[in-house]
């Protein structure tokens, strides 16, 4: 019971609680109290309480209510649905339950996603979350008897791939080398894993720790943690990434742009482009016209190309441009060397001379004269020939 009503307001609170409760067309007359196990709690909050006290009492009431349902189902060995007011058709004839998902079976052939199992799992998750919140908001709070804190709890967040098949959700969640997913895990404190159809590329084997039901399930993010608060924070951060991918136009997703830039930094291919600054261009001076930087090779005047020069019109295009200094040698005496035979010019010494022209061919009608006799005598002993020897 919540206490702390001001003394001056007790009479007013007593008069409000003593008013007659009438029956409405939606339900019978509500009960003032409700017995949950060994506790009898009031269903009507009377008096002036702060919003924090009202929230704390609602959390405490809901924890005791869930614990009472689970305790009764365990002791009587009856299904949990029989203790829920929504399952009673006499009290709720217009209640329509949500459609059941496709059946799933374990390795032994037993169904693992019946309505009874899904309801029990949902109630346990809700109680875990409320116990964590109550422990932080209610001083000296003690969990209900029979409550066991789970070592780890998980939650599945399905990705809308069927509605948006053109968006690469897996790439946005993973990021460059999985850095985006690691950032989500560090910020939330929970573990995030991408599971289901499409989480593994074609040609690769599935993860060794992944179950068969997860591999056949739709694409989803499996969030695992020891507390429900961390799971709730991870769901919020993951939904922000998915919403940004859906709502951002093509080419305007800031998250994808940052991921591509970070990937370029990791690969070493980032090129920083600086914006144009007119103050840094030629030290603030006006730029000259580009045509003034072009110099004609014929008349040596700027402002036009050689092919547009008036002095060179009507002449051959192969004419050599006029040089300022006349070469020392005539071009007629220079040897023309093909481009593929041109070598590196020598740095020192005179230029190589052209070979002498071959001698003119002799006439074929006149025979060549006989060569003169060659003397074997030395040049210093040359003189008149000696007389012939006397006859014998």
Protein backbone atom coordinates (compact mmCIF):
# COMPACT_ATOMS: atom_id res chain seq x y z
CA UNK A 1 0.00 0.00 0.00
CA UNK A 2 1.19 3.49 -0.81
CA UNK A 3 1.28 5.80 2.16
CA UNK A 4 2.28 9.39 2.59
CA UNK A 5 -1.08 11.19 2.21
CA UNK A 6 -0.98 14.66 3.80
CA UNK A 7 -2.78 14.91 7.11
CA UNK A 8 -4.96 17.74 5.94
CA UNK A 9 -6.19 15.67 2.99
CA UNK A 10 -7.16 12.47 4.81
CA UNK A 11 -10.80 13.43 5.09
CA UNK A 12 -10.99 14.23 1.40
CA UNK A 13 -9.27 10.99 0.46
CA UNK A 14 -11.64 9.02 2.70
CA UNK A 15 -14.67 10.62 1.09
CA UNK A 16 -13.37 9.86 -2.42
CA UNK A 17 -12.64 6.22 -1.60
CA UNK A 18 -16.06 5.77 0.05
CA UNK A 19 -18.01 6.83 -3.04
CA UNK A 20 -20.29 4.26 -4.58
CA UNK A 21 -18.80 2.51 -7.61
CA UNK A 22 -21.37 2.14 -10.36
CA UNK A 23 -21.51 -0.43 -13.10
CA UNK A 24 -20.71 0.77 -16.62
CA UNK A 25 -21.51 -0.70 -20.01
CA UNK A 26 -17.89 -1.72 -20.52
CA UNK A 27 -17.34 -3.77 -17.36
CA UNK A 28 -18.80 -4.74 -14.03
CA UNK A 29 -18.31 -2.76 -10.87
CA UNK A 30 -14.57 -2.62 -10.17
CA UNK A 31 -13.16 -4.00 -6.97
CA UNK A 32 -11.49 -1.69 -4.52
CA UNK A 33 -8.86 -4.27 -3.62
CA UNK A 34 -7.29 -7.30 -5.22
CA UNK A 35 -5.61 -10.22 -3.49
CA UNK A 36 -2.34 -11.29 -5.08
CA UNK A 37 -0.82 -14.15 -3.13
CA UNK A 38 -0.43 -13.07 0.46
CA UNK A 39 -0.81 -9.36 -0.34
CA UNK A 40 -4.00 -7.38 -0.67
CA UNK A 41 -3.43 -4.33 -2.86
CA UNK A 42 -5.73 -1.42 -3.58
CA UNK A 43 -6.86 -0.94 -7.15
CA UNK A 44 -7.72 2.73 -6.65
CA UNK A 45 -5.04 5.28 -5.88
CA UNK A 46 -6.41 7.90 -3.52
CA UNK A 47 -4.75 11.00 -2.19
CA UNK A 48 -2.22 13.43 -3.62
CA UNK A 49 0.85 11.55 -4.74
CA UNK A 50 3.79 12.63 -6.84
CA UNK A 51 4.15 11.19 -10.35
CA UNK A 52 7.15 9.17 -9.17
CA UNK A 53 5.11 7.56 -6.38
CA UNK A 54 2.27 6.72 -8.78
CA UNK A 55 4.66 5.08 -11.25
CA UNK A 56 6.36 3.12 -8.46
CA UNK A 57 3.03 1.77 -7.18
CA UNK A 58 1.93 0.74 -10.68
CA UNK A 59 5.21 -1.10 -11.24
CA UNK A 60 4.90 -2.88 -7.91
CA UNK A 61 1.28 -3.84 -8.60
CA UNK A 62 2.05 -5.23 -12.06
CA UNK A 63 5.00 -7.28 -10.77
CA UNK A 64 2.82 -8.91 -8.11
CA UNK A 65 0.06 -9.56 -10.64
CA UNK A 66 2.38 -11.35 -13.11
CA UNK A 67 4.02 -13.34 -10.34
CA UNK A 68 0.60 -14.48 -9.07
CA UNK A 69 -0.43 -15.69 -12.56
CA UNK A 70 2.81 -17.64 -13.07
CA UNK A 71 2.61 -19.12 -9.58
CA UNK A 72 -0.96 -20.34 -9.99
CA UNK A 73 -0.22 -21.88 -13.40
CA UNK A 74 2.80 -23.72 -11.99
CA UNK A 75 1.04 -25.04 -8.90
CA UNK A 76 -2.18 -26.14 -10.62
CA UNK A 77 -0.43 -27.43 -13.78
CA UNK A 78 -2.92 -25.54 -15.90
CA UNK A 79 -2.19 -23.35 -18.90
CA UNK A 80 -1.43 -19.70 -18.29
CA UNK A 81 -4.12 -18.66 -20.74
CA UNK A 82 -6.83 -19.92 -18.38
CA UNK A 83 -5.80 -17.32 -15.77
CA UNK A 84 -5.91 -14.38 -18.18
CA UNK A 85 -9.04 -12.29 -18.43
CA UNK A 86 -8.57 -11.90 -22.18
CA UNK A 87 -9.04 -15.65 -22.64
CA UNK A 88 -12.49 -15.63 -21.00
CA UNK A 89 -14.99 -15.25 -23.82
CA UNK A 90 -17.87 -14.63 -21.43
CA UNK A 91 -16.22 -11.49 -20.06
CA UNK A 92 -14.66 -10.36 -23.33
CA UNK A 93 -16.86 -11.58 -26.21
CA UNK A 94 -15.46 -9.01 -28.66
CA UNK A 95 -11.78 -9.73 -27.94
CA UNK A 96 -9.79 -10.77 -31.04
CA UNK A 97 -6.40 -12.24 -30.49
CA UNK A 98 -3.56 -11.68 -32.93
CA UNK A 99 -2.84 -14.35 -35.56
CA UNK A 100 -0.28 -16.97 -34.65
CA UNK A 101 3.06 -17.06 -36.50
CA UNK A 102 4.09 -20.02 -38.66
CA UNK A 103 4.82 -23.10 -36.55
CA UNK A 104 8.40 -23.93 -35.60
CA UNK A 105 9.71 -27.27 -34.39
CA UNK A 106 12.85 -28.41 -32.64
CA UNK A 107 15.06 -31.35 -33.56
CA UNK A 108 12.72 -33.78 -31.83
CA UNK A 109 9.68 -32.57 -33.73
CA UNK A 110 8.06 -30.62 -30.88
CA UNK A 111 6.56 -27.23 -31.56
CA UNK A 112 8.38 -24.44 -29.77
CA UNK A 113 6.25 -21.39 -30.57
CA UNK A 114 2.79 -22.31 -29.28
CA UNK A 115 0.56 -19.57 -27.92
CA UNK A 116 1.11 -20.85 -24.37
CA UNK A 117 4.89 -20.63 -24.72
CA UNK A 118 4.80 -17.21 -26.35
CA UNK A 119 2.52 -15.85 -23.61
CA UNK A 120 4.74 -17.19 -20.83
CA UNK A 121 7.86 -15.78 -22.43
CA UNK A 122 6.21 -12.39 -22.86
CA UNK A 123 5.11 -12.26 -19.21
CA UNK A 124 8.56 -13.25 -17.96
CA UNK A 125 10.24 -10.55 -20.05
CA UNK A 126 7.83 -7.94 -18.78
CA UNK A 127 8.44 -8.97 -15.17
CA UNK A 128 12.24 -8.88 -15.65
CA UNK A 129 12.02 -5.35 -17.00
CA UNK A 130 9.72 -4.10 -14.24
CA UNK A 131 11.88 -5.63 -11.50
CA UNK A 132 14.94 -3.80 -12.83
CA UNK A 133 13.03 -0.51 -12.95
CA UNK A 134 11.52 -1.01 -9.47
CA UNK A 135 14.91 -1.84 -7.99
CA UNK A 136 16.19 1.55 -9.13
CA UNK A 137 13.14 3.63 -8.17
CA UNK A 138 11.86 1.99 -4.95
CA UNK A 139 14.12 2.10 -1.92
CA UNK A 140 14.93 -1.30 -0.34
CA UNK A 141 12.85 -3.13 -2.93
CA UNK A 142 12.76 -6.94 -2.66
CA UNK A 143 11.82 -9.09 -5.64
CA UNK A 144 8.78 -11.41 -5.26
CA UNK A 145 9.38 -14.96 -4.01
CA UNK A 146 10.22 -17.46 -6.70
CA UNK A 147 11.71 -14.83 -8.98
CA UNK A 148 15.05 -15.81 -10.53
CA UNK A 149 17.05 -13.20 -12.37
CA UNK A 150 17.95 -14.51 -15.83
CA UNK A 151 21.58 -14.81 -16.77
CA UNK A 152 20.88 -13.47 -20.26
CA UNK A 153 17.79 -12.46 -22.11
CA UNK A 154 17.34 -11.78 -25.80
CA UNK A 155 15.08 -9.90 -28.16
CA UNK A 156 14.58 -10.10 -31.94
CA UNK A 157 14.27 -6.93 -34.00
CA UNK A 158 13.09 -7.77 -37.50
CA UNK A 159 14.44 -5.78 -40.45
CA UNK A 160 11.90 -4.60 -43.09
CA UNK A 161 13.67 -6.16 -46.06
CA UNK A 162 10.44 -7.15 -47.84
CA UNK A 163 9.10 -3.60 -47.73
CA UNK A 164 12.38 -1.99 -48.86
CA UNK A 165 14.33 -4.55 -50.93
CA UNK A 166 16.51 -1.87 -52.57
CA UNK A 167 18.15 -0.81 -49.28
CA UNK A 168 21.22 -2.64 -48.00
CA UNK A 169 20.33 -2.80 -44.31
CA UNK A 170 23.02 -5.37 -43.51
CA UNK A 171 25.78 -3.15 -44.88
CA UNK A 172 24.54 -0.11 -42.98
CA UNK A 173 24.33 -2.02 -39.70
CA UNK A 174 27.74 -3.64 -40.10
CA UNK A 175 29.63 -0.61 -41.41
CA UNK A 176 33.25 -0.63 -42.61
CA UNK A 177 34.80 -3.81 -41.24
CA UNK A 178 31.97 -4.14 -38.69
CA UNK A 179 32.77 -0.87 -36.92
CA UNK A 180 29.19 0.46 -36.89
CA UNK A 181 27.89 -2.69 -35.21
CA UNK A 182 30.67 -2.51 -32.63
CA UNK A 183 29.75 1.11 -31.88
CA UNK A 184 26.11 0.12 -31.28
CA UNK A 185 27.23 -2.61 -28.90
CA UNK A 186 29.50 -0.25 -26.96
CA UNK A 187 26.83 2.45 -26.65
CA UNK A 188 24.06 0.07 -25.54
CA UNK A 189 26.04 -2.51 -23.57
CA UNK A 190 24.24 -5.38 -25.33
CA UNK A 191 25.41 -7.84 -27.93
CA UNK A 192 24.00 -7.45 -31.45
CA UNK A 193 24.05 -10.16 -34.10
CA UNK A 194 22.49 -10.21 -37.57
CA UNK A 195 20.69 -13.49 -38.13
CA UNK A 196 18.15 -14.98 -40.50
CA UNK A 197 17.83 -15.21 -44.26
CA UNK A 198 20.27 -12.93 -46.07
CA UNK A 199 22.65 -12.48 -43.15
CA UNK A 200 25.24 -14.78 -44.76
CA UNK A 201 26.45 -14.31 -48.33
CA UNK A 202 25.71 -17.02 -50.84
CA UNK A 203 28.45 -19.62 -50.99
CA UNK A 204 29.45 -19.26 -47.35
CA UNK A 205 28.48 -21.51 -44.48
CA UNK A 206 26.31 -20.27 -41.64
CA UNK A 207 27.71 -19.36 -38.27
CA UNK A 208 28.57 -22.38 -36.13
CA UNK A 209 26.63 -21.07 -33.11
CA UNK A 210 23.48 -20.27 -35.07
CA UNK A 211 20.43 -22.48 -34.60
CA UNK A 212 18.44 -23.93 -37.46
CA UNK A 213 15.34 -21.94 -36.55
CA UNK A 214 17.33 -18.70 -36.67
CA UNK A 215 18.77 -19.55 -40.08
CA UNK A 216 15.28 -20.17 -41.51
CA UNK A 217 13.78 -17.11 -39.83
CA UNK A 218 13.40 -13.72 -41.53
CA UNK A 219 16.28 -11.28 -41.40
CA UNK A 220 16.53 -9.82 -37.90
CA UNK A 221 18.91 -8.42 -35.30
CA UNK A 222 19.39 -10.70 -32.30
CA UNK A 223 20.00 -8.55 -29.20
CA UNK A 224 21.33 -10.35 -26.12
CA UNK A 225 22.04 -8.85 -22.70
CA UNK A 226 21.71 -9.46 -19.00
CA UNK A 227 19.27 -6.59 -18.42
CA UNK A 228 16.19 -5.37 -20.24
CA UNK A 229 17.32 -1.75 -20.05
CA UNK A 230 20.34 -2.49 -22.24
CA UNK A 231 18.15 -4.34 -24.71
CA UNK A 232 15.73 -1.40 -24.86
CA UNK A 233 18.62 0.99 -25.55
CA UNK A 234 20.03 -1.28 -28.25
CA UNK A 235 16.61 -1.46 -29.94
CA UNK A 236 16.36 2.33 -29.89
CA UNK A 237 19.81 2.81 -31.47
CA UNK A 238 19.19 0.15 -34.10
CA UNK A 239 15.84 1.67 -35.05
CA UNK A 240 17.56 5.03 -35.55
CA UNK A 241 19.88 3.46 -38.15
CA UNK A 242 16.98 1.72 -39.91
CA UNK A 243 14.79 4.84 -39.92
CA UNK A 244 17.61 6.96 -41.31
CA UNK A 245 18.16 4.46 -44.13
CA UNK A 246 14.46 4.47 -45.01
CA UNK A 247 13.76 8.20 -44.72
CA UNK A 248 16.96 9.58 -46.32
CA UNK A 249 16.87 10.16 -50.10
CA UNK A 250 19.37 8.48 -52.37
CA UNK A 251 22.82 9.98 -51.92
CA UNK A 252 21.90 12.04 -48.84
CA UNK A 253 22.40 9.48 -46.07
CA UNK A 254 24.95 10.98 -43.69
CA UNK A 255 25.64 7.63 -42.03
CA UNK A 256 26.50 5.96 -45.34
CA UNK A 257 28.68 8.91 -46.38
CA UNK A 258 30.63 8.68 -43.12
CA UNK A 259 31.02 4.94 -43.54
CA UNK A 260 32.45 5.34 -47.07
CA UNK A 261 34.87 8.01 -45.85
CA UNK A 262 35.99 5.81 -42.96
CA UNK A 263 36.48 2.89 -45.33
CA UNK A 264 38.66 5.07 -47.57
CA UNK A 265 40.74 6.04 -44.53
CA UNK A 266 41.22 2.38 -43.59
CA UNK A 267 42.22 1.46 -47.16
CA UNK A 268 44.48 4.50 -47.54
CA UNK A 269 42.62 5.87 -50.59
CA UNK A 270 41.15 9.03 -49.04
CA UNK A 271 41.75 12.24 -50.99
CA UNK A 272 41.02 15.40 -49.09
CA UNK A 273 39.54 18.11 -51.33
CA UNK A 274 39.77 21.68 -50.09
CA UNK A 275 37.12 24.26 -51.06
CA UNK A 276 38.06 27.04 -53.48
CA UNK A 277 39.46 30.10 -51.74
CA UNK A 278 39.89 33.17 -54.02
CA UNK A 279 42.24 34.80 -51.49
CA UNK A 280 44.79 32.02 -51.89
CA UNK A 281 44.64 32.12 -55.70
CA UNK A 282 47.64 34.08 -57.04
CA UNK A 283 47.86 35.88 -53.70
CA UNK A 284 44.63 37.76 -54.30
CA UNK A 285 45.66 39.20 -57.69
CA UNK A 286 43.33 38.94 -60.69
CA UNK A 287 44.02 36.03 -62.94
CA UNK A 288 45.42 36.72 -66.39
CA UNK A 289 43.65 35.62 -69.50
CA UNK A 290 44.70 32.17 -70.63
CA UNK A 291 45.13 33.39 -74.22
CA UNK A 292 47.97 35.69 -73.13
CA UNK A 293 49.97 32.68 -72.00
CA UNK A 294 50.00 31.17 -75.52
CA UNK A 295 53.03 32.23 -77.64
CA UNK A 296 53.19 31.68 -81.40
CA UNK A 297 56.29 29.82 -82.63
CA UNK A 298 56.33 31.65 -85.98
CA UNK A 299 56.04 35.33 -85.06
CA UNK A 300 56.92 34.94 -81.37
CA UNK A 301 53.83 36.94 -80.34
CA UNK A 302 51.35 35.95 -77.62
CA UNK A 303 47.62 35.57 -78.03
CA UNK A 304 47.27 32.98 -80.82
CA UNK A 305 48.43 29.55 -81.90
CA UNK A 306 50.95 28.83 -84.62
CA UNK A 307 48.29 27.39 -86.93
CA UNK A 308 46.33 30.67 -86.68
CA UNK A 309 49.32 32.92 -87.39
CA UNK A 310 48.87 35.23 -90.40
CA UNK A 311 52.55 35.03 -91.31
CA UNK A 312 52.39 31.27 -91.61
CA UNK A 313 49.27 31.10 -93.79
CA UNK A 314 49.84 29.51 -97.18
CA UNK A 315 53.05 27.85 -96.07
CA UNK A 316 53.61 24.17 -95.42
CA UNK A 317 52.66 22.89 -92.01
CA UNK A 318 55.93 20.96 -91.85
CA UNK A 319 58.01 24.14 -91.94
CA UNK A 320 60.43 24.42 -89.06
CA UNK A 321 59.70 27.29 -86.67
CA UNK A 322 61.92 30.34 -86.88
CA UNK A 323 64.65 30.29 -84.30
CA UNK A 324 66.07 33.36 -82.70
CA UNK A 325 69.70 32.25 -83.13
CA UNK A 326 70.87 31.00 -86.51
CA UNK A 327 72.71 27.74 -86.30
CA UNK A 328 76.41 27.76 -87.15
CA UNK A 329 76.10 24.94 -89.68
CA UNK A 330 73.78 24.69 -92.61
CA UNK A 331 70.96 22.19 -92.45
CA UNK A 332 72.04 20.81 -95.83
CA UNK A 333 75.27 19.40 -94.36
CA UNK A 334 73.58 17.84 -91.35
CA UNK A 335 72.73 14.19 -91.49
CA UNK A 336 69.04 13.35 -91.09
CA UNK A 337 68.69 10.55 -88.53
CA UNK A 338 65.43 8.64 -88.15
CA UNK A 339 63.69 8.97 -84.75
CA UNK A 340 64.26 5.34 -83.81
CA UNK A 341 68.03 5.72 -84.39
CA UNK A 342 68.42 8.94 -82.50
CA UNK A 343 70.51 8.62 -79.42
CA UNK A 344 71.50 10.87 -76.62
CA UNK A 345 73.50 13.86 -77.82
CA UNK A 346 77.05 14.09 -76.46
CA UNK A 347 77.55 16.63 -73.75
CA UNK A 348 81.14 17.60 -74.73
CA UNK A 349 83.20 17.81 -77.93
CA UNK A 350 82.33 19.00 -81.44
CA UNK A 351 79.36 17.69 -83.32
CA UNK A 352 80.07 14.60 -85.45
CA UNK A 353 80.89 15.40 -89.10
CA UNK A 354 79.02 13.80 -91.94
CA UNK A 355 80.97 11.03 -93.80
CA UNK A 356 82.64 12.10 -97.11
CA UNK A 357 80.76 11.33 -100.30
CA UNK A 358 81.80 8.17 -102.18
CA UNK A 359 84.22 8.61 -105.17
CA UNK A 360 82.68 8.76 -108.64
CA UNK A 361 82.57 5.47 -110.50
CA UNK A 362 85.22 5.02 -113.26
CA UNK A 363 84.23 4.70 -116.89
CA UNK A 364 83.76 1.11 -118.04
CA UNK A 365 85.34 1.66 -121.54
CA UNK A 366 88.94 2.46 -120.41
CA UNK A 367 90.77 -0.33 -118.54
CA UNK A 368 92.54 0.70 -115.41
CA UNK A 369 96.31 1.41 -115.79
CA UNK A 370 98.72 -1.20 -114.41
CA UNK A 371 100.17 -0.46 -111.02
CA UNK A 372 103.76 0.88 -110.96
CA UNK A 373 106.50 -1.57 -110.01
CA UNK A 374 107.26 -1.58 -106.40
CA UNK A 375 110.93 -1.38 -105.48
CA UNK A 376 112.28 -3.42 -102.68
CA UNK A 377 115.21 -1.09 -102.13
CA UNK A 378 115.04 1.41 -99.30
CA UNK A 379 114.37 5.05 -100.12
CA UNK A 380 117.85 6.24 -99.13
CA UNK A 381 119.55 3.76 -101.51
CA UNK A 382 117.40 4.58 -104.46
CA UNK A 383 119.35 5.81 -107.56
CA UNK A 384 120.07 4.72 -111.09
CA UNK A 385 119.69 1.01 -111.69
CA UNK A 386 122.92 -1.05 -111.54
CA UNK A 387 124.53 -2.23 -114.80
CA UNK A 388 123.84 -5.75 -115.98
CA UNK A 389 126.44 -8.40 -115.09
CA UNK A 390 129.11 -9.23 -117.77
CA UNK A 391 128.55 -12.30 -119.89
CA UNK A 392 130.55 -15.40 -119.06
